[in-house]
Amino acid sequence: MAFLKFNFSLNGGTIQHPIDFPDLEAFSRNTYSQELIDVKRVINFISNTSNWPIDTNKINIIGHSRGGGIAILFSKYPSVNKICTWAAVASFEERFPKGEELLKWEKDGVRYIENARTKQLMPHSYDFYQDFLRNKQDLSIEKAIKNFIGKSLFIHGTLDQAVSVDNAYRLFRWAQDSEVFTLRSNHTFGSKHPWDSTLISEKLLEVVSKTITFFEKE
């Protein structure tokens, strides 16, 4: 099984520092639409690389949290065979602020959210929200998973405080051919950054094993 992992182009990282966020200006320009462009480029790259010993007509996608929602949006591509989400969101729209907070965001043009790990104030341009409004139909996770004819697996921790496990059950109800796997764990399945152990966390190992089994079976 070949595995490819990539970073989104405007995630705030750089080639020299791909995990941290030295480029906050790039981070502030990110949108869901840009992330869709990035995934499309990756899928096209895989599909057009004919010398790889893999079946490029059967691509499986994994996405965590918000990335799980992005993964589901790519279920419309014929080459996508299976989707596995880890602690995925079921809706992008409901993650946006509302009321006075939304109005303040529009007035200021940018809002800042503290990164719990780095303590940086991460800038989110109001265009991030406007981009969603302009492309609302193309960014509907519910619509995408309802139209997906392949198999889906939604993995979620029951102790997840960042994205409620209810999101997994909503995705399960919408999908045509899917299953839910829950475990007593948090949003990152017992992992964190930096990871200073030589062993993967017990809960994350369970998630990885479940994912591999799902991809391997017909």
N, C-alpha and C. Protein backbone atom coordinates (compact mmCIF):
# COMPACT_ATOMS: atom_id res chain seq x y z
N MET A 1 0.85 -1.19 0.00
CA MET A 1 0.00 0.00 0.00
C MET A 1 0.89 1.24 0.00
N ALA A 2 0.75 2.05 -1.03
CA ALA A 2 1.52 3.29 -1.11
C ALA A 2 0.81 4.38 -0.32
N PHE A 3 1.59 5.22 0.34
CA PHE A 3 1.02 6.28 1.19
C PHE A 3 1.67 7.60 0.85
N LEU A 4 0.85 8.63 0.60
CA LEU A 4 1.36 9.96 0.30
C LEU A 4 0.71 10.97 1.23
N LYS A 5 1.52 11.76 1.89
CA LYS A 5 1.04 12.81 2.79
C LYS A 5 1.53 14.15 2.27
N PHE A 6 0.67 15.17 2.35
CA PHE A 6 1.06 16.48 1.84
C PHE A 6 0.54 17.58 2.76
N ASN A 7 1.15 18.76 2.63
CA ASN A 7 0.68 19.95 3.33
C ASN A 7 -0.08 20.84 2.36
N PHE A 8 -1.11 21.52 2.83
CA PHE A 8 -1.78 22.51 2.00
C PHE A 8 -0.83 23.69 1.76
N SER A 9 -0.99 24.32 0.59
CA SER A 9 -0.03 25.34 0.17
C SER A 9 -0.03 26.58 1.06
N LEU A 10 -1.18 26.89 1.68
CA LEU A 10 -1.27 28.09 2.51
C LEU A 10 -1.55 27.74 3.97
N ASN A 11 -0.92 26.68 4.46
CA ASN A 11 -1.15 26.27 5.85
C ASN A 11 -0.27 27.03 6.84
N GLY A 12 0.60 27.90 6.34
CA GLY A 12 1.45 28.69 7.22
C GLY A 12 2.82 28.11 7.43
N GLY A 13 3.04 26.90 6.93
CA GLY A 13 4.36 26.28 7.02
C GLY A 13 5.22 26.64 5.83
N THR A 14 6.48 26.30 5.91
CA THR A 14 7.41 26.49 4.79
C THR A 14 8.13 25.18 4.53
N ILE A 15 8.90 25.13 3.46
CA ILE A 15 9.67 23.92 3.16
C ILE A 15 10.66 23.63 4.28
N GLN A 16 11.26 24.70 4.82
CA GLN A 16 12.23 24.52 5.91
C GLN A 16 11.55 24.17 7.24
N HIS A 17 10.35 24.68 7.44
CA HIS A 17 9.61 24.45 8.69
C HIS A 17 8.18 24.05 8.35
N PRO A 18 7.98 22.79 7.92
CA PRO A 18 6.66 22.36 7.43
C PRO A 18 5.61 22.12 8.50
N ILE A 19 6.01 22.02 9.76
CA ILE A 19 5.05 21.71 10.81
C ILE A 19 4.65 22.95 11.60
N ASP A 20 5.58 23.89 11.77
CA ASP A 20 5.28 25.11 12.50
C ASP A 20 4.69 26.15 11.55
N PHE A 21 4.51 27.39 12.03
CA PHE A 21 3.79 28.41 11.26
C PHE A 21 4.59 29.70 11.15
N PRO A 22 5.71 29.69 10.44
CA PRO A 22 6.49 30.92 10.29
C PRO A 22 5.89 31.89 9.27
N ASP A 23 5.02 31.41 8.39
CA ASP A 23 4.45 32.25 7.34
C ASP A 23 2.97 32.54 7.63
N LEU A 24 2.72 33.43 8.58
CA LEU A 24 1.35 33.74 8.96
C LEU A 24 0.62 34.54 7.88
N GLU A 25 1.37 35.24 7.03
CA GLU A 25 0.75 35.99 5.94
C GLU A 25 0.09 35.01 4.96
N ALA A 26 0.78 33.92 4.65
CA ALA A 26 0.20 32.89 3.78
C ALA A 26 -1.00 32.24 4.46
N PHE A 27 -0.86 31.96 5.74
CA PHE A 27 -1.96 31.36 6.51
C PHE A 27 -3.22 32.21 6.42
N SER A 28 -3.06 33.52 6.48
CA SER A 28 -4.21 34.42 6.48
C SER A 28 -4.93 34.42 5.13
N ARG A 29 -4.27 33.98 4.07
CA ARG A 29 -4.87 33.98 2.74
C ARG A 29 -5.51 32.64 2.38
N ASN A 30 -5.46 31.67 3.27
CA ASN A 30 -5.99 30.35 2.96
C ASN A 30 -7.53 30.37 2.89
N THR A 31 -8.08 29.51 2.04
CA THR A 31 -9.53 29.35 1.92
C THR A 31 -9.82 27.86 1.69
N TYR A 32 -11.07 27.47 1.89
CA TYR A 32 -11.47 26.10 1.58
C TYR A 32 -11.29 25.83 0.08
N SER A 33 -11.59 26.82 -0.74
CA SER A 33 -11.45 26.64 -2.19
C SER A 33 -10.01 26.37 -2.57
N GLN A 34 -9.06 27.06 -1.91
CA GLN A 34 -7.65 26.82 -2.19
C GLN A 34 -7.26 25.40 -1.79
N GLU A 35 -7.80 24.92 -0.69
CA GLU A 35 -7.49 23.55 -0.26
C GLU A 35 -8.01 22.53 -1.27
N LEU A 36 -9.17 22.82 -1.87
CA LEU A 36 -9.69 21.93 -2.91
C LEU A 36 -8.79 21.92 -4.13
N ILE A 37 -8.26 23.08 -4.48
CA ILE A 37 -7.31 23.16 -5.59
C ILE A 37 -6.07 22.33 -5.28
N ASP A 38 -5.59 22.42 -4.04
CA ASP A 38 -4.40 21.67 -3.64
C ASP A 38 -4.63 20.16 -3.76
N VAL A 39 -5.77 19.69 -3.25
CA VAL A 39 -6.04 18.25 -3.32
C VAL A 39 -6.18 17.79 -4.77
N LYS A 40 -6.83 18.60 -5.58
CA LYS A 40 -6.98 18.27 -7.00
C LYS A 40 -5.62 18.12 -7.67
N ARG A 41 -4.69 19.00 -7.33
CA ARG A 41 -3.34 18.93 -7.90
C ARG A 41 -2.64 17.64 -7.46
N VAL A 42 -2.83 17.25 -6.20
CA VAL A 42 -2.21 16.02 -5.71
C VAL A 42 -2.79 14.80 -6.42
N ILE A 43 -4.13 14.75 -6.55
CA ILE A 43 -4.77 13.62 -7.22
C ILE A 43 -4.35 13.55 -8.69
N ASN A 44 -4.26 14.70 -9.35
CA ASN A 44 -3.80 14.72 -10.74
C ASN A 44 -2.37 14.23 -10.85
N PHE A 45 -1.54 14.62 -9.89
CA PHE A 45 -0.15 14.17 -9.87
C PHE A 45 -0.07 12.65 -9.75
N ILE A 46 -0.86 12.09 -8.84
CA ILE A 46 -0.88 10.64 -8.67
C ILE A 46 -1.39 9.95 -9.94
N SER A 47 -2.47 10.46 -10.48
CA SER A 47 -3.11 9.83 -11.64
C SER A 47 -2.23 9.88 -12.88
N ASN A 48 -1.39 10.91 -13.00
CA ASN A 48 -0.57 11.08 -14.20
C ASN A 48 0.84 10.53 -14.05
N THR A 49 1.12 9.88 -12.91
CA THR A 49 2.43 9.27 -12.70
C THR A 49 2.32 7.79 -13.01
N SER A 50 2.47 7.44 -14.26
CA SER A 50 2.17 6.09 -14.73
C SER A 50 3.20 5.04 -14.31
N ASN A 51 4.40 5.48 -13.89
CA ASN A 51 5.43 4.49 -13.57
C ASN A 51 5.34 3.98 -12.13
N TRP A 52 4.35 4.45 -11.37
CA TRP A 52 4.18 3.93 -10.01
C TRP A 52 3.45 2.60 -10.06
N PRO A 53 3.88 1.62 -9.27
CA PRO A 53 3.23 0.29 -9.27
C PRO A 53 1.96 0.26 -8.43
N ILE A 54 1.03 1.17 -8.74
CA ILE A 54 -0.22 1.25 -7.98
C ILE A 54 -1.37 1.43 -8.96
N ASP A 55 -2.57 1.12 -8.48
CA ASP A 55 -3.77 1.32 -9.27
C ASP A 55 -4.29 2.73 -9.00
N THR A 56 -4.02 3.65 -9.91
CA THR A 56 -4.39 5.04 -9.70
C THR A 56 -5.89 5.28 -9.90
N ASN A 57 -6.61 4.24 -10.27
CA ASN A 57 -8.07 4.35 -10.37
C ASN A 57 -8.76 4.00 -9.05
N LYS A 58 -7.95 3.62 -8.06
CA LYS A 58 -8.50 3.29 -6.75
C LYS A 58 -7.70 4.04 -5.68
N ILE A 59 -8.01 5.31 -5.55
CA ILE A 59 -7.33 6.16 -4.57
C ILE A 59 -8.18 6.25 -3.30
N ASN A 60 -7.55 5.99 -2.17
CA ASN A 60 -8.21 6.12 -0.87
C ASN A 60 -7.72 7.39 -0.19
N ILE A 61 -8.62 8.10 0.46
CA ILE A 61 -8.26 9.38 1.09
C ILE A 61 -8.53 9.33 2.59
N ILE A 62 -7.56 9.84 3.36
CA ILE A 62 -7.71 10.01 4.80
C ILE A 62 -7.68 11.50 5.11
N GLY A 63 -8.56 11.95 5.99
CA GLY A 63 -8.54 13.35 6.41
C GLY A 63 -8.89 13.47 7.87
N HIS A 64 -8.16 14.32 8.60
CA HIS A 64 -8.41 14.53 10.03
C HIS A 64 -9.07 15.88 10.27
N SER A 65 -10.10 15.90 11.09
CA SER A 65 -10.75 17.12 11.53
C SER A 65 -11.32 17.89 10.33
N ARG A 66 -10.89 19.14 10.16
CA ARG A 66 -11.32 19.91 8.99
C ARG A 66 -10.88 19.23 7.70
N GLY A 67 -9.72 18.59 7.73
CA GLY A 67 -9.24 17.87 6.56
C GLY A 67 -10.13 16.70 6.19
N GLY A 68 -10.86 16.17 7.17
CA GLY A 68 -11.82 15.11 6.88
C GLY A 68 -12.95 15.62 6.00
N GLY A 69 -13.37 16.86 6.28
CA GLY A 69 -14.40 17.47 5.45
C GLY A 69 -13.90 17.69 4.03
N ILE A 70 -12.67 18.15 3.89
CA ILE A 70 -12.07 18.34 2.56
C ILE A 70 -11.97 17.01 1.83
N ALA A 71 -11.58 15.96 2.53
CA ALA A 71 -11.48 14.63 1.92
C ALA A 71 -12.83 14.19 1.35
N ILE A 72 -13.89 14.43 2.10
CA ILE A 72 -15.22 14.03 1.66
C ILE A 72 -15.63 14.79 0.40
N LEU A 73 -15.24 16.06 0.29
CA LEU A 73 -15.60 16.84 -0.89
C LEU A 73 -14.98 16.24 -2.15
N PHE A 74 -13.91 15.48 -2.01
CA PHE A 74 -13.27 14.88 -3.19
C PHE A 74 -13.82 13.50 -3.53
N SER A 75 -14.92 13.14 -2.87
CA SER A 75 -15.57 11.88 -3.21
C SER A 75 -16.19 11.92 -4.60
N LYS A 76 -16.32 13.12 -5.19
CA LYS A 76 -16.93 13.24 -6.52
C LYS A 76 -15.99 12.78 -7.63
N TYR A 77 -14.71 12.61 -7.32
CA TYR A 77 -13.76 12.19 -8.35
C TYR A 77 -13.83 10.68 -8.55
N PRO A 78 -13.98 10.21 -9.80
CA PRO A 78 -14.14 8.78 -10.08
C PRO A 78 -12.99 7.92 -9.55
N SER A 79 -11.80 8.50 -9.46
CA SER A 79 -10.65 7.72 -9.01
C SER A 79 -10.65 7.48 -7.50
N VAL A 80 -11.50 8.20 -6.76
CA VAL A 80 -11.56 8.03 -5.30
C VAL A 80 -12.40 6.80 -4.98
N ASN A 81 -11.77 5.83 -4.35
CA ASN A 81 -12.39 4.53 -4.09
C ASN A 81 -13.02 4.46 -2.69
N LYS A 82 -12.26 4.89 -1.68
CA LYS A 82 -12.74 4.87 -0.31
C LYS A 82 -12.30 6.14 0.42
N ILE A 83 -13.07 6.48 1.44
CA ILE A 83 -12.75 7.64 2.27
C ILE A 83 -12.76 7.22 3.73
N CYS A 84 -11.72 7.62 4.46
CA CYS A 84 -11.68 7.38 5.90
C CYS A 84 -11.41 8.71 6.60
N THR A 85 -12.31 9.11 7.47
CA THR A 85 -12.11 10.36 8.20
C THR A 85 -11.78 10.08 9.66
N TRP A 86 -10.92 10.92 10.19
CA TRP A 86 -10.55 10.85 11.60
C TRP A 86 -11.04 12.14 12.27
N ALA A 87 -12.03 12.02 13.14
CA ALA A 87 -12.55 13.18 13.89
C ALA A 87 -12.98 14.30 12.95
N ALA A 88 -13.69 13.95 11.88
CA ALA A 88 -14.03 14.93 10.85
C ALA A 88 -15.21 15.81 11.23
N VAL A 89 -15.21 17.01 10.67
CA VAL A 89 -16.35 17.90 10.80
C VAL A 89 -17.40 17.50 9.76
N ALA A 90 -18.67 17.69 10.10
CA ALA A 90 -19.76 17.36 9.18
C ALA A 90 -20.27 18.58 8.43
N SER A 91 -19.82 19.76 8.86
CA SER A 91 -20.25 20.99 8.21
C SER A 91 -19.19 22.06 8.42
N PHE A 92 -18.86 22.77 7.35
CA PHE A 92 -17.97 23.91 7.49
C PHE A 92 -18.72 25.15 8.00
N GLU A 93 -19.95 25.30 7.54
CA GLU A 93 -20.71 26.50 7.86
C GLU A 93 -20.91 26.68 9.36
N GLU A 94 -21.19 25.61 10.07
CA GLU A 94 -21.47 25.73 11.49
C GLU A 94 -20.22 26.01 12.33
N ARG A 95 -19.04 25.95 11.69
CA ARG A 95 -17.80 26.22 12.42
C ARG A 95 -17.48 27.72 12.46
N PHE A 96 -18.17 28.49 11.63
CA PHE A 96 -17.92 29.93 11.60
C PHE A 96 -18.58 30.63 12.79
N PRO A 97 -18.02 31.76 13.22
CA PRO A 97 -18.67 32.53 14.30
C PRO A 97 -20.00 33.10 13.82
N LYS A 98 -20.82 33.49 14.77
CA LYS A 98 -22.14 34.03 14.44
C LYS A 98 -22.39 35.32 15.23
N GLY A 99 -23.44 36.02 14.85
CA GLY A 99 -23.86 37.21 15.59
C GLY A 99 -22.82 38.30 15.64
N GLU A 100 -22.62 38.85 16.84
CA GLU A 100 -21.71 39.97 17.03
C GLU A 100 -20.28 39.62 16.63
N GLU A 101 -19.89 38.38 16.91
CA GLU A 101 -18.52 37.98 16.58
C GLU A 101 -18.29 38.00 15.07
N LEU A 102 -19.29 37.56 14.31
CA LEU A 102 -19.19 37.58 12.85
C LEU A 102 -19.17 39.02 12.32
N LEU A 103 -19.99 39.87 12.90
CA LEU A 103 -20.03 41.27 12.48
C LEU A 103 -18.69 41.97 12.77
N LYS A 104 -18.10 41.65 13.91
CA LYS A 104 -16.80 42.23 14.25
C LYS A 104 -15.73 41.77 13.28
N TRP A 105 -15.81 40.50 12.88
CA TRP A 105 -14.86 39.95 11.91
C TRP A 105 -14.96 40.71 10.59
N GLU A 106 -16.19 40.95 10.15
CA GLU A 106 -16.41 41.68 8.90
C GLU A 106 -15.87 43.12 9.01
N LYS A 107 -16.11 43.75 10.14
CA LYS A 107 -15.66 45.13 10.34
C LYS A 107 -14.14 45.23 10.38
N ASP A 108 -13.51 44.31 11.12
CA ASP A 108 -12.05 44.36 11.29
C ASP A 108 -11.31 43.80 10.07
N GLY A 109 -11.95 42.90 9.32
CA GLY A 109 -11.30 42.29 8.16
C GLY A 109 -10.44 41.10 8.48
N VAL A 110 -10.17 40.90 9.77
CA VAL A 110 -9.35 39.76 10.20
C VAL A 110 -9.69 39.44 11.65
N ARG A 111 -9.63 38.17 12.01
CA ARG A 111 -9.80 37.77 13.40
C ARG A 111 -8.64 36.85 13.77
N TYR A 112 -8.29 36.84 15.04
CA TYR A 112 -7.14 36.08 15.50
C TYR A 112 -7.56 35.00 16.49
N ILE A 113 -7.01 33.81 16.30
CA ILE A 113 -7.26 32.69 17.20
C ILE A 113 -5.92 32.18 17.69
N GLU A 114 -5.76 32.05 18.98
CA GLU A 114 -4.48 31.62 19.53
C GLU A 114 -4.24 30.14 19.27
N ASN A 115 -3.05 29.83 18.80
CA ASN A 115 -2.64 28.45 18.63
C ASN A 115 -2.23 27.91 20.00
N ALA A 116 -2.90 26.85 20.44
CA ALA A 116 -2.68 26.34 21.79
C ALA A 116 -1.25 25.84 21.98
N ARG A 117 -0.62 25.37 20.91
CA ARG A 117 0.74 24.82 21.03
C ARG A 117 1.81 25.89 20.94
N THR A 118 1.73 26.73 19.89
CA THR A 118 2.79 27.71 19.66
C THR A 118 2.52 29.05 20.32
N LYS A 119 1.26 29.27 20.77
CA LYS A 119 0.83 30.52 21.37
C LYS A 119 0.82 31.69 20.37
N GLN A 120 0.94 31.37 19.08
CA GLN A 120 0.84 32.42 18.06
C GLN A 120 -0.62 32.82 17.88
N LEU A 121 -0.84 34.07 17.52
CA LEU A 121 -2.17 34.53 17.16
C LEU A 121 -2.33 34.31 15.66
N MET A 122 -3.16 33.33 15.29
CA MET A 122 -3.31 32.93 13.89
C MET A 122 -4.34 33.82 13.21
N PRO A 123 -3.93 34.57 12.15
CA PRO A 123 -4.86 35.50 11.49
C PRO A 123 -5.76 34.81 10.48
N HIS A 124 -7.05 35.06 10.57
CA HIS A 124 -8.03 34.55 9.61
C HIS A 124 -8.68 35.74 8.91
N SER A 125 -8.40 35.89 7.63
CA SER A 125 -9.00 36.99 6.86
C SER A 125 -10.50 36.76 6.69
N TYR A 126 -11.24 37.85 6.65
CA TYR A 126 -12.69 37.74 6.43
C TYR A 126 -12.99 37.13 5.07
N ASP A 127 -12.05 37.21 4.14
CA ASP A 127 -12.25 36.60 2.82
C ASP A 127 -12.40 35.09 2.93
N PHE A 128 -11.89 34.51 4.01
CA PHE A 128 -12.06 33.08 4.24
C PHE A 128 -13.55 32.74 4.31
N TYR A 129 -14.30 33.58 5.02
CA TYR A 129 -15.75 33.39 5.14
C TYR A 129 -16.46 33.74 3.84
N GLN A 130 -16.03 34.82 3.20
CA GLN A 130 -16.64 35.22 1.94
C GLN A 130 -16.45 34.16 0.86
N ASP A 131 -15.28 33.55 0.85
CA ASP A 131 -15.03 32.48 -0.11
C ASP A 131 -16.00 31.32 0.11
N PHE A 132 -16.27 31.02 1.38
CA PHE A 132 -17.23 29.95 1.67
C PHE A 132 -18.61 30.31 1.14
N LEU A 133 -19.04 31.55 1.36
CA LEU A 133 -20.36 31.97 0.89
C LEU A 133 -20.45 31.90 -0.63
N ARG A 134 -19.38 32.28 -1.31
CA ARG A 134 -19.38 32.26 -2.78
C ARG A 134 -19.44 30.84 -3.33
N ASN A 135 -18.91 29.89 -2.58
CA ASN A 135 -18.80 28.52 -3.08
C ASN A 135 -19.54 27.52 -2.18
N LYS A 136 -20.61 27.97 -1.57
CA LYS A 136 -21.31 27.20 -0.55
C LYS A 136 -21.74 25.82 -1.03
N GLN A 137 -22.29 25.74 -2.23
CA GLN A 137 -22.77 24.46 -2.74
C GLN A 137 -21.63 23.47 -2.97
N ASP A 138 -20.51 23.97 -3.49
CA ASP A 138 -19.35 23.10 -3.73
C ASP A 138 -18.66 22.69 -2.43
N LEU A 139 -18.96 23.39 -1.34
CA LEU A 139 -18.32 23.12 -0.06
C LEU A 139 -19.27 22.43 0.92
N SER A 140 -20.35 21.86 0.41
CA SER A 140 -21.31 21.15 1.26
C SER A 140 -20.85 19.72 1.48
N ILE A 141 -20.43 19.41 2.70
CA ILE A 141 -19.99 18.06 3.04
C ILE A 141 -21.16 17.09 2.97
N GLU A 142 -22.31 17.52 3.44
CA GLU A 142 -23.50 16.66 3.40
C GLU A 142 -23.84 16.26 1.97
N LYS A 143 -23.85 17.21 1.08
CA LYS A 143 -24.16 16.94 -0.32
C LYS A 143 -23.15 15.97 -0.93
N ALA A 144 -21.89 16.17 -0.63
CA ALA A 144 -20.83 15.33 -1.21
C ALA A 144 -20.93 13.89 -0.74
N ILE A 145 -21.12 13.67 0.55
CA ILE A 145 -21.15 12.29 1.06
C ILE A 145 -22.42 11.57 0.65
N LYS A 146 -23.51 12.30 0.48
CA LYS A 146 -24.75 11.68 0.02
C LYS A 146 -24.61 11.16 -1.41
N ASN A 147 -23.77 11.81 -2.21
CA ASN A 147 -23.59 11.42 -3.61
C ASN A 147 -22.47 10.42 -3.82
N PHE A 148 -21.71 10.11 -2.76
CA PHE A 148 -20.57 9.20 -2.89
C PHE A 148 -21.06 7.75 -2.91
N ILE A 149 -20.66 7.00 -3.96
CA ILE A 149 -21.11 5.62 -4.09
C ILE A 149 -20.09 4.63 -3.54
N GLY A 150 -18.92 5.11 -3.14
CA GLY A 150 -17.91 4.23 -2.57
C GLY A 150 -18.15 3.98 -1.10
N LYS A 151 -17.18 3.34 -0.45
CA LYS A 151 -17.29 3.01 0.97
C LYS A 151 -16.62 4.08 1.82
N SER A 152 -17.19 4.32 2.99
CA SER A 152 -16.66 5.33 3.91
C SER A 152 -16.55 4.76 5.31
N LEU A 153 -15.53 5.21 6.03
CA LEU A 153 -15.36 4.86 7.44
C LEU A 153 -15.14 6.15 8.21
N PHE A 154 -15.96 6.38 9.22
CA PHE A 154 -15.87 7.59 10.03
C PHE A 154 -15.39 7.20 11.44
N ILE A 155 -14.16 7.58 11.76
CA ILE A 155 -13.56 7.25 13.06
C ILE A 155 -13.60 8.50 13.93
N HIS A 156 -14.01 8.34 15.18
CA HIS A 156 -14.15 9.50 16.05
C HIS A 156 -13.96 9.11 17.52
N GLY A 157 -13.34 9.99 18.27
CA GLY A 157 -13.18 9.79 19.70
C GLY A 157 -14.40 10.28 20.46
N THR A 158 -14.87 9.49 21.41
CA THR A 158 -16.06 9.88 22.18
C THR A 158 -15.76 11.00 23.17
N LEU A 159 -14.48 11.27 23.43
CA LEU A 159 -14.09 12.34 24.35
C LEU A 159 -13.63 13.59 23.61
N ASP A 160 -13.89 13.64 22.32
CA ASP A 160 -13.46 14.75 21.48
C ASP A 160 -14.20 16.03 21.88
N GLN A 161 -13.46 17.03 22.34
CA GLN A 161 -14.07 18.31 22.73
C GLN A 161 -13.95 19.36 21.63
N ALA A 162 -13.15 19.10 20.63
CA ALA A 162 -12.98 20.05 19.52
C ALA A 162 -14.04 19.85 18.46
N VAL A 163 -14.32 18.58 18.13
CA VAL A 163 -15.35 18.23 17.13
C VAL A 163 -16.18 17.09 17.74
N SER A 164 -17.41 17.37 18.07
CA SER A 164 -18.27 16.39 18.74
C SER A 164 -18.42 15.11 17.93
N VAL A 165 -18.52 13.99 18.62
CA VAL A 165 -18.69 12.70 17.96
C VAL A 165 -20.00 12.65 17.18
N ASP A 166 -20.92 13.54 17.49
CA ASP A 166 -22.17 13.63 16.72
C ASP A 166 -21.90 13.86 15.24
N ASN A 167 -20.79 14.54 14.92
CA ASN A 167 -20.43 14.76 13.52
C ASN A 167 -20.26 13.45 12.78
N ALA A 168 -19.65 12.46 13.41
CA ALA A 168 -19.45 11.16 12.78
C ALA A 168 -20.77 10.47 12.50
N TYR A 169 -21.70 10.55 13.44
CA TYR A 169 -22.99 9.89 13.25
C TYR A 169 -23.83 10.59 12.19
N ARG A 170 -23.68 11.90 12.08
CA ARG A 170 -24.38 12.60 11.00
C ARG A 170 -23.84 12.17 9.64
N LEU A 171 -22.52 12.07 9.51
CA LEU A 171 -21.92 11.62 8.27
C LEU A 171 -22.37 10.20 7.93
N PHE A 172 -22.45 9.36 8.95
CA PHE A 172 -22.89 7.98 8.76
C PHE A 172 -24.32 7.92 8.24
N ARG A 173 -25.19 8.75 8.77
CA ARG A 173 -26.58 8.76 8.33
C ARG A 173 -26.71 9.24 6.88
N TRP A 174 -25.85 10.15 6.48
CA TRP A 174 -25.93 10.71 5.13
C TRP A 174 -25.33 9.77 4.08
N ALA A 175 -24.34 9.00 4.45
CA ALA A 175 -23.59 8.20 3.48
C ALA A 175 -24.37 6.96 3.02
N GLN A 176 -24.08 6.51 1.81
CA GLN A 176 -24.77 5.35 1.25
C GLN A 176 -24.19 4.03 1.77
N ASP A 177 -22.88 3.95 1.88
CA ASP A 177 -22.22 2.70 2.28
C ASP A 177 -21.11 3.05 3.26
N SER A 178 -21.43 3.03 4.55
CA SER A 178 -20.45 3.52 5.52
C SER A 178 -20.55 2.80 6.85
N GLU A 179 -19.55 3.04 7.68
CA GLU A 179 -19.56 2.53 9.05
C GLU A 179 -18.90 3.57 9.96
N VAL A 180 -19.25 3.50 11.23
CA VAL A 180 -18.66 4.38 12.24
C VAL A 180 -17.85 3.52 13.20
N PHE A 181 -16.69 4.02 13.56
CA PHE A 181 -15.87 3.37 14.58
C PHE A 181 -15.52 4.42 15.63
N THR A 182 -15.97 4.22 16.86
CA THR A 182 -15.67 5.15 17.93
C THR A 182 -14.77 4.49 18.97
N LEU A 183 -14.00 5.31 19.63
CA LEU A 183 -13.14 4.82 20.70
C LEU A 183 -13.03 5.92 21.76
N ARG A 184 -12.74 5.51 22.97
CA ARG A 184 -12.67 6.46 24.09
C ARG A 184 -11.37 7.24 23.99
N SER A 185 -11.42 8.35 23.28
CA SER A 185 -10.21 9.13 23.04
C SER A 185 -10.57 10.57 22.71
N ASN A 186 -9.54 11.41 22.63
CA ASN A 186 -9.75 12.83 22.34
C ASN A 186 -9.62 13.12 20.84
N HIS A 187 -9.52 14.39 20.50
CA HIS A 187 -9.53 14.82 19.10
C HIS A 187 -8.31 14.32 18.33
N THR A 188 -7.19 14.16 19.01
CA THR A 188 -5.95 13.73 18.34
C THR A 188 -5.57 12.29 18.71
N PHE A 189 -6.50 11.57 19.28
CA PHE A 189 -6.32 10.14 19.59
C PHE A 189 -5.07 9.88 20.43
N GLY A 190 -4.90 10.73 21.43
CA GLY A 190 -3.80 10.53 22.37
C GLY A 190 -2.45 11.00 21.87
N SER A 191 -2.39 11.62 20.71
CA SER A 191 -1.13 12.12 20.18
C SER A 191 -1.03 13.63 20.40
N LYS A 192 0.14 14.19 20.19
CA LYS A 192 0.36 15.62 20.32
C LYS A 192 1.65 15.98 19.60
N HIS A 193 1.88 17.28 19.45
CA HIS A 193 3.14 17.74 18.87
C HIS A 193 3.79 18.73 19.82
N PRO A 194 5.08 18.60 20.11
CA PRO A 194 5.96 17.53 19.58
C PRO A 194 5.71 16.19 20.27
N TRP A 195 5.97 15.12 19.54
CA TRP A 195 5.81 13.76 20.06
C TRP A 195 7.18 13.26 20.47
N ASP A 196 7.40 13.05 21.75
CA ASP A 196 8.74 12.72 22.25
C ASP A 196 8.93 11.26 22.59
N SER A 197 7.99 10.42 22.16
CA SER A 197 8.12 8.99 22.41
C SER A 197 8.52 8.27 21.13
N THR A 198 9.13 7.10 21.26
CA THR A 198 9.50 6.30 20.08
C THR A 198 8.35 5.41 19.64
N LEU A 199 7.25 5.39 20.40
CA LEU A 199 6.10 4.56 20.08
C LEU A 199 4.88 5.44 19.81
N ILE A 200 4.05 5.00 18.90
CA ILE A 200 2.81 5.71 18.60
C ILE A 200 1.86 5.54 19.79
N SER A 201 0.97 6.49 19.99
CA SER A 201 0.03 6.38 21.10
C SER A 201 -0.90 5.17 20.88
N GLU A 202 -1.34 4.59 21.96
CA GLU A 202 -2.18 3.38 21.88
C GLU A 202 -3.45 3.63 21.08
N LYS A 203 -4.10 4.76 21.31
CA LYS A 203 -5.35 5.06 20.62
C LYS A 203 -5.12 5.35 19.13
N LEU A 204 -4.05 6.08 18.82
CA LEU A 204 -3.77 6.37 17.43
C LEU A 204 -3.39 5.10 16.67
N LEU A 205 -2.68 4.20 17.34
CA LEU A 205 -2.35 2.92 16.72
C LEU A 205 -3.62 2.15 16.38
N GLU A 206 -4.61 2.21 17.27
CA GLU A 206 -5.89 1.57 17.03
C GLU A 206 -6.58 2.18 15.80
N VAL A 207 -6.50 3.49 15.69
CA VAL A 207 -7.10 4.19 14.55
C VAL A 207 -6.40 3.80 13.25
N VAL A 208 -5.08 3.79 13.26
CA VAL A 208 -4.31 3.44 12.07
C VAL A 208 -4.61 2.00 11.64
N SER A 209 -4.64 1.09 12.60
CA SER A 209 -4.92 -0.32 12.30
C SER A 209 -6.30 -0.49 11.70
N LYS A 210 -7.28 0.21 12.26
CA LYS A 210 -8.64 0.14 11.75
C LYS A 210 -8.72 0.69 10.32
N THR A 211 -7.98 1.76 10.07
CA THR A 211 -7.95 2.37 8.74
C THR A 211 -7.35 1.42 7.71
N ILE A 212 -6.23 0.81 8.06
CA ILE A 212 -5.58 -0.12 7.13
C ILE A 212 -6.49 -1.30 6.81
N THR A 213 -7.12 -1.85 7.82
CA THR A 213 -8.04 -2.97 7.61
C THR A 213 -9.18 -2.57 6.68
N PHE A 214 -9.71 -1.36 6.87
CA PHE A 214 -10.79 -0.86 6.02
C PHE A 214 -10.35 -0.72 4.56
N PHE A 215 -9.14 -0.23 4.35
CA PHE A 215 -8.66 -0.05 2.98
C PHE A 215 -8.33 -1.39 2.31
N GLU A 216 -7.89 -2.35 3.09
CA GLU A 216 -7.47 -3.63 2.51
C GLU A 216 -8.63 -4.53 2.08
N LYS A 217 -9.75 -4.44 2.79
CA LYS A 217 -10.84 -5.33 2.46
C LYS A 217 -11.60 -4.85 1.24
N GLU A 218 -12.15 -5.80 0.50
CA GLU A 218 -12.91 -5.47 -0.72
C GLU A 218 -14.26 -4.86 -0.36
